Protein backbone atom coordinates (compact mmCIF):
# COMPACT_ATOMS: atom_id res chain seq x y z
CA MET A 1 38.24 108.61 69.94
CA GLU A 2 40.81 110.30 72.17
CA VAL A 3 40.53 108.26 75.85
CA ARG A 4 40.46 111.85 77.96
CA ARG A 5 37.44 113.45 75.85
CA LEU A 6 35.99 109.89 76.77
CA ASP A 7 36.49 110.11 80.47
CA LEU A 8 34.67 114.13 80.24
CA LEU A 9 32.34 112.29 79.20
CA ARG A 10 32.17 109.17 81.69
CA GLU A 11 32.31 112.35 84.27
CA LEU A 12 29.33 114.28 83.26
CA ALA A 13 27.49 111.05 83.40
CA GLU A 14 28.30 110.57 87.16
CA ARG A 15 28.86 114.94 88.13
CA GLY A 16 25.45 116.03 86.33
CA SER A 17 26.55 118.83 84.91
CA ILE A 18 29.55 120.60 82.79
CA THR A 19 30.09 123.24 85.89
CA ALA A 20 30.87 120.15 87.91
CA VAL A 21 33.14 118.20 85.59
CA ALA A 22 34.54 121.70 84.82
CA GLU A 23 35.31 121.69 88.35
CA ALA A 24 36.29 118.28 89.06
CA THR A 25 39.09 118.66 85.55
CA GLY A 26 40.76 121.94 86.73
CA ARG A 27 38.93 123.29 83.14
CA THR A 28 36.23 125.65 82.34
CA PRO A 29 32.91 124.81 81.61
CA SER A 30 33.98 126.53 77.78
CA ALA A 31 36.57 123.60 77.55
CA VAL A 32 34.63 121.16 78.68
CA SER A 33 31.84 121.94 76.32
CA GLN A 34 34.37 121.63 73.08
CA GLN A 35 35.49 118.99 73.98
CA LEU A 36 32.54 117.06 74.76
CA LYS A 37 31.38 118.42 70.75
CA VAL A 38 34.51 116.97 69.41
CA LEU A 39 33.71 113.81 71.10
CA GLU A 40 29.97 113.85 69.35
CA ARG A 41 31.78 114.54 65.96
CA GLU A 42 33.89 111.67 66.41
CA ALA A 43 30.80 109.26 67.22
CA GLY A 44 28.53 110.54 64.63
CA MET A 45 25.31 110.80 66.64
CA PRO A 46 24.25 113.57 69.14
CA LEU A 47 25.84 111.96 72.93
CA THR A 48 24.28 114.83 75.15
CA ALA A 49 20.80 116.92 75.05
CA ARG A 50 19.78 120.01 76.38
CA SER A 51 17.25 119.87 79.87
CA GLY A 52 16.04 122.87 80.99
CA ARG A 53 19.38 124.87 81.95
CA GLY A 54 21.54 122.14 81.58
CA LEU A 55 22.53 118.52 79.77
CA VAL A 56 21.25 115.09 79.96
CA LEU A 57 23.49 111.79 77.87
CA THR A 58 21.27 110.59 75.11
CA SER A 59 20.77 106.64 74.84
CA ALA A 60 23.82 106.72 72.96
CA GLY A 61 25.38 109.01 75.40
CA GLN A 62 24.84 107.05 78.42
CA ALA A 63 26.41 103.44 75.90
CA LEU A 64 29.42 105.71 75.37
CA ALA A 65 29.77 106.45 79.47
CA ARG A 66 29.71 102.95 80.04
CA SER A 67 32.15 101.68 77.81
CA ALA A 68 34.30 105.02 78.56
CA ALA A 69 34.15 103.35 82.29
CA GLU A 70 35.46 100.25 81.20
CA VAL A 71 38.26 101.99 79.35
CA ALA A 72 39.22 103.63 82.55
CA ILE A 73 39.19 100.04 83.91
CA ALA A 74 41.14 98.68 81.32
CA LEU A 75 43.92 101.30 81.45
CA GLU A 76 44.07 100.88 85.61
CA ARG A 77 44.57 97.01 85.03
CA ALA A 78 47.66 98.37 82.58
CA ALA A 79 48.93 100.16 84.63
CA ALA A 80 48.37 98.07 87.88
CA LEU A 81 50.10 94.94 86.15
CA TRP A 82 53.12 96.93 84.90
CA ASP A 83 53.57 98.32 89.07
CA GLU A 84 53.42 94.80 89.71
CA PHE A 85 55.67 93.75 87.87
CA ARG A 86 58.47 96.62 89.29
CA ASN A 87 56.58 95.37 92.68
CA HIS A 88 55.96 99.22 93.41
CA PRO A 89 52.60 100.28 94.55
CA SER A 90 53.65 104.00 94.32
CA GLY A 91 51.80 107.27 93.82
CA GLU A 92 49.19 109.00 96.32
CA VAL A 93 46.49 107.52 97.09
CA THR A 94 43.44 109.96 98.77
CA LEU A 95 40.86 108.85 101.14
CA LEU A 96 37.73 109.70 102.99
CA THR A 97 36.89 109.01 106.36
CA PHE A 98 34.18 109.36 108.71
CA PRO A 99 35.31 110.11 112.25
CA THR A 100 35.37 107.51 114.35
CA ILE A 101 36.36 105.01 112.15
CA GLY A 102 38.95 107.25 110.89
CA ALA A 103 40.14 108.23 115.02
CA THR A 104 40.00 103.75 115.55
CA LEU A 105 41.21 102.59 112.81
CA LEU A 106 43.23 105.36 110.13
CA PRO A 107 46.84 106.02 112.28
CA GLY A 108 47.51 102.13 112.23
CA VAL A 109 46.78 102.40 108.58
CA LEU A 110 48.92 104.55 108.10
CA THR A 111 51.73 102.98 110.38
CA ASP A 112 51.83 99.98 108.32
CA LEU A 113 51.94 101.94 105.07
CA ALA A 114 54.74 103.98 106.11
CA GLN A 115 56.59 100.99 105.15
CA VAL A 116 55.90 101.35 101.76
CA ALA A 117 58.37 103.49 99.85
CA GLY A 118 56.91 106.21 97.30
CA LEU A 119 52.93 105.47 98.86
CA VAL A 120 51.30 108.59 100.04
CA VAL A 121 47.83 108.52 101.50
CA HIS A 122 45.36 112.14 102.03
CA CYS A 123 43.00 111.36 104.50
CA THR A 124 40.46 113.82 105.23
CA ASP A 125 37.04 113.41 107.06
CA LEU A 126 33.48 114.12 106.82
CA ASP A 127 29.97 112.36 107.90
CA PRO A 128 27.86 112.75 105.58
CA GLU A 129 24.20 111.41 104.68
CA LEU A 130 23.68 108.41 103.69
CA ALA A 131 23.10 109.15 100.07
CA GLU A 132 26.02 111.13 99.45
CA PHE A 133 28.95 108.51 100.08
CA PRO A 134 28.22 107.11 96.58
CA ASP A 135 28.85 110.52 95.09
CA LEU A 136 31.92 111.61 96.84
CA THR A 137 34.02 108.51 94.88
CA ALA A 138 34.27 110.54 91.92
CA ASP A 139 36.40 113.14 94.35
CA PHE A 140 38.47 110.43 96.16
CA ASP A 141 40.07 107.09 95.31
CA ILE A 142 38.19 105.37 98.61
CA VAL A 143 35.70 106.21 100.51
CA LEU A 144 34.91 104.43 104.02
CA ALA A 145 30.79 104.53 104.47
CA HIS A 146 28.63 103.24 106.70
CA THR A 147 25.82 101.69 106.45
CA MET A 148 22.67 99.28 108.00
CA PRO A 149 23.24 95.90 107.13
CA GLY A 150 20.93 94.92 104.30
CA GLU A 151 21.13 98.05 102.92
CA LEU A 152 22.95 99.06 99.96
CA PRO A 153 22.66 102.93 99.10
CA TRP A 154 24.93 102.42 96.50
CA GLY A 155 23.49 99.69 94.32
CA GLY A 156 23.25 100.09 91.06
CA ARG A 157 25.98 102.38 90.62
CA GLY A 158 28.83 100.30 89.65
CA LEU A 159 30.73 100.61 92.57
CA LYS A 160 32.89 98.57 94.60
CA ALA A 161 32.29 97.58 97.69
CA VAL A 162 34.44 96.29 100.34
CA PRO A 163 33.66 94.68 103.46
CA LEU A 164 35.58 95.74 106.16
CA LEU A 165 33.39 95.55 109.84
CA THR A 166 30.16 94.72 111.08
CA GLU A 167 29.69 96.92 114.19
CA PRO A 168 27.29 96.38 117.17
CA LEU A 169 25.39 99.74 118.07
CA ASP A 170 25.25 99.50 122.32
CA VAL A 171 23.07 102.21 123.98
CA GLY A 172 25.16 104.41 126.14
CA LEU A 173 23.87 105.38 129.57
CA PRO A 174 24.93 107.41 132.35
CA ALA A 175 26.65 105.85 134.91
CA ASP A 176 23.77 105.91 137.48
CA HIS A 177 20.98 105.18 135.00
CA ARG A 178 18.30 103.04 136.41
CA LEU A 179 19.61 100.59 133.10
CA ALA A 180 22.52 100.98 134.05
CA ASN A 181 22.68 97.37 136.04
CA ARG A 182 21.51 95.38 133.57
CA ALA A 183 22.84 92.36 131.33
CA TYR A 184 20.75 94.10 128.25
CA VAL A 185 18.15 96.75 126.93
CA THR A 186 15.31 96.14 125.11
CA PRO A 187 12.56 98.47 123.20
CA THR A 188 10.22 98.33 126.25
CA ASP A 189 12.89 99.60 128.23
CA LEU A 190 13.58 102.44 125.87
CA VAL A 191 10.32 104.37 124.37
CA GLU A 192 10.11 106.17 127.35
CA GLU A 193 13.65 107.57 127.61
CA THR A 194 14.94 111.22 126.28
CA TRP A 195 17.37 110.13 123.25
CA LEU A 196 20.31 112.37 121.38
CA GLY A 197 19.76 111.15 117.76
CA VAL A 198 21.69 111.82 114.99
CA PRO A 199 20.69 114.46 112.15
CA PRO A 200 17.81 112.91 109.58
CA GLY A 201 19.34 111.02 107.25
CA PHE A 202 21.97 109.17 109.13
CA PRO A 203 22.07 105.34 109.37
CA PHE A 204 21.19 105.50 113.19
CA GLU A 205 17.86 106.71 112.61
CA ARG A 206 16.84 103.62 110.90
CA ILE A 207 17.31 101.92 114.50
CA LEU A 208 15.30 104.18 116.57
CA HIS A 209 12.28 103.96 114.15
CA ALA A 210 12.63 99.55 114.84
CA ILE A 211 12.50 100.98 119.16
CA GLU A 212 9.27 102.58 118.22
CA GLN A 213 7.79 100.07 116.37
CA GLU A 214 8.07 97.69 119.05
CA GLY A 215 8.03 99.66 121.68
CA GLY A 216 4.58 100.75 120.70
CA LYS A 217 5.05 104.74 121.34
CA ARG A 218 6.98 107.73 119.36
CA VAL A 219 10.40 108.54 121.48
CA HIS A 220 11.79 111.59 122.05
CA VAL A 221 14.39 112.93 120.59
CA ALA A 222 15.90 116.30 122.41
CA GLN A 223 19.40 116.77 120.39
CA ARG A 224 20.80 115.77 116.62
CA PHE A 225 24.54 115.35 116.84
CA SER A 226 26.99 113.74 113.75
CA ASP A 227 30.36 113.73 116.75
CA MET A 228 29.81 110.97 118.88
CA ARG A 229 32.97 112.91 121.56
CA ILE A 230 29.43 115.66 122.18
CA VAL A 231 26.99 112.31 122.19
CA GLU A 232 29.38 110.80 124.66
CA ALA A 233 29.54 114.06 126.86
CA PHE A 234 25.99 114.63 126.86
CA ILE A 235 25.53 111.48 127.67
CA GLN A 236 27.52 111.34 130.80
CA ALA A 237 25.95 115.46 131.73
CA GLY A 238 22.62 113.06 131.96
CA PHE A 239 20.77 114.65 129.37
CA GLY A 240 19.73 111.34 127.24
CA ILE A 241 20.64 108.29 126.20
CA ALA A 242 22.25 107.30 122.29
CA PHE A 243 23.23 104.56 120.18
CA VAL A 244 27.33 104.53 120.40
CA PRO A 245 29.37 102.39 118.20
CA ARG A 246 31.32 99.51 120.20
CA PHE A 247 34.19 99.37 118.16
CA THR A 248 35.37 102.75 117.64
CA SER A 249 33.72 105.02 119.87
CA GLY A 250 37.28 105.71 121.45
CA THR A 251 37.76 105.58 125.41
CA MET A 252 34.62 105.47 127.38
CA THR A 253 34.35 108.01 130.78
CA SER A 254 33.79 105.96 133.27
CA GLY A 255 30.49 108.23 133.64
CA VAL A 256 28.92 106.38 130.67
CA VAL A 257 28.04 102.41 130.37
CA LEU A 258 27.34 100.92 126.95
CA LYS A 259 24.58 98.08 127.13
CA PRO A 260 23.38 95.66 124.28
CA ILE A 261 20.28 96.05 123.00
CA ARG A 262 17.73 93.12 122.26
CA GLY A 263 14.77 92.97 119.97
CA VAL A 264 15.94 95.15 116.77
CA ALA A 265 18.74 94.61 115.16
CA SER A 266 21.74 97.40 116.32
CA ALA A 267 24.75 97.83 113.76
CA ARG A 268 26.09 99.19 111.18
CA GLN A 269 28.70 97.32 108.16
CA ILE A 270 31.34 99.50 107.65
CA VAL A 271 32.58 99.29 104.02
CA ALA A 272 35.17 101.15 101.66
CA LEU A 273 33.80 102.05 98.35
CA LEU A 274 35.28 102.64 94.80
CA ARG A 275 34.83 103.62 91.53
CA PRO A 276 35.66 100.20 89.44
CA ASP A 277 38.85 101.22 87.54
CA VAL A 278 40.61 103.17 90.77
CA ALA A 279 40.31 99.49 92.56
CA GLU A 280 42.69 98.56 89.63
CA ARG A 281 45.37 100.76 90.82
CA LEU A 282 48.35 98.72 92.89
CA ALA A 283 49.10 101.37 95.07
CA VAL A 284 45.17 101.47 96.02
CA ARG A 285 44.92 97.90 96.55
CA THR A 286 47.76 98.39 98.96
CA VAL A 287 45.64 100.70 100.97
CA LEU A 288 42.90 98.87 100.84
CA ASP A 289 44.76 95.74 101.86
CA VAL A 290 45.94 97.11 104.98
CA LEU A 291 42.56 98.53 106.01
CA VAL A 292 40.58 95.00 105.68
CA ALA A 293 43.72 93.94 108.29
CA ARG A 294 43.36 96.54 110.61
CA ALA A 295 39.40 96.28 110.90
CA ALA A 296 39.88 92.54 111.41
CA ARG A 297 42.48 93.19 114.09
CA LEU A 298 40.40 95.42 115.91
CA ALA A 299 36.92 93.26 115.98
CA GLU A 300 39.49 90.82 116.89
CA ALA A 301 40.32 92.47 119.73
CA HIS A 302 36.51 93.02 121.00
CA ALA A 303 35.41 89.76 120.58
CA GLU A 304 38.56 88.51 122.90
CA ALA A 305 37.90 91.44 125.52
């Protein structure tokens, strides 16, 4: 069987439609369909079946798609061994970040990687809902994702997850707030407050629900933002309080103070997500090593502060 056709079957298993595979691989839908038909003839049995207007994989198709993933891993591993033999992690690596970690971590990462000749890292940012992170690994080599500790929304997807940081989430208050002089705050302190929330489906929402359960009352969420710069400006202006990441919130203004919260778990786990074949590439592993090292330095700097 031809490797490129196997890869198209794997793409169909991950993306779910011929159109999506065509867009991702730079082909027309008819060209993708033709290649999959050739693969079916080579396999000697149906690999796809009609479901409404689309296609689904048969059990044979699912098994072959899993084999295609193993082939891709083996090919990337062989290429990585050759790169190691040459001691040359060259090539392009695409990286997707979300804004707060991108602003805090990536400038230092790219500075360190500038020493590696022939390695080019292309970064872009997005702040998706939690469930969308795994799907983005189909289009980016490395996806920086965040979730609550103990929750694995990418579990069962066969992805490699490299832990980077466990970051506390503090409560951001206006400097003249009634709680601003406390050493810490509790759910009981917070249930009466006006909150600046995140869009539904974002990880911080789960902590608000925990505060409601512990405080015995629904909280009032006046506004919802995904951009922490807007959140911090609204806190300073007195429009509400919000969760603020301790390490990656940037330079806080004098009008905002951060207080740890006791009584509920308030932290997020930041990880790098990759497809297992992509994780074999020496260039990708080189970027990951620098990400892990820079994240450790960031946590150490805050521990010493």
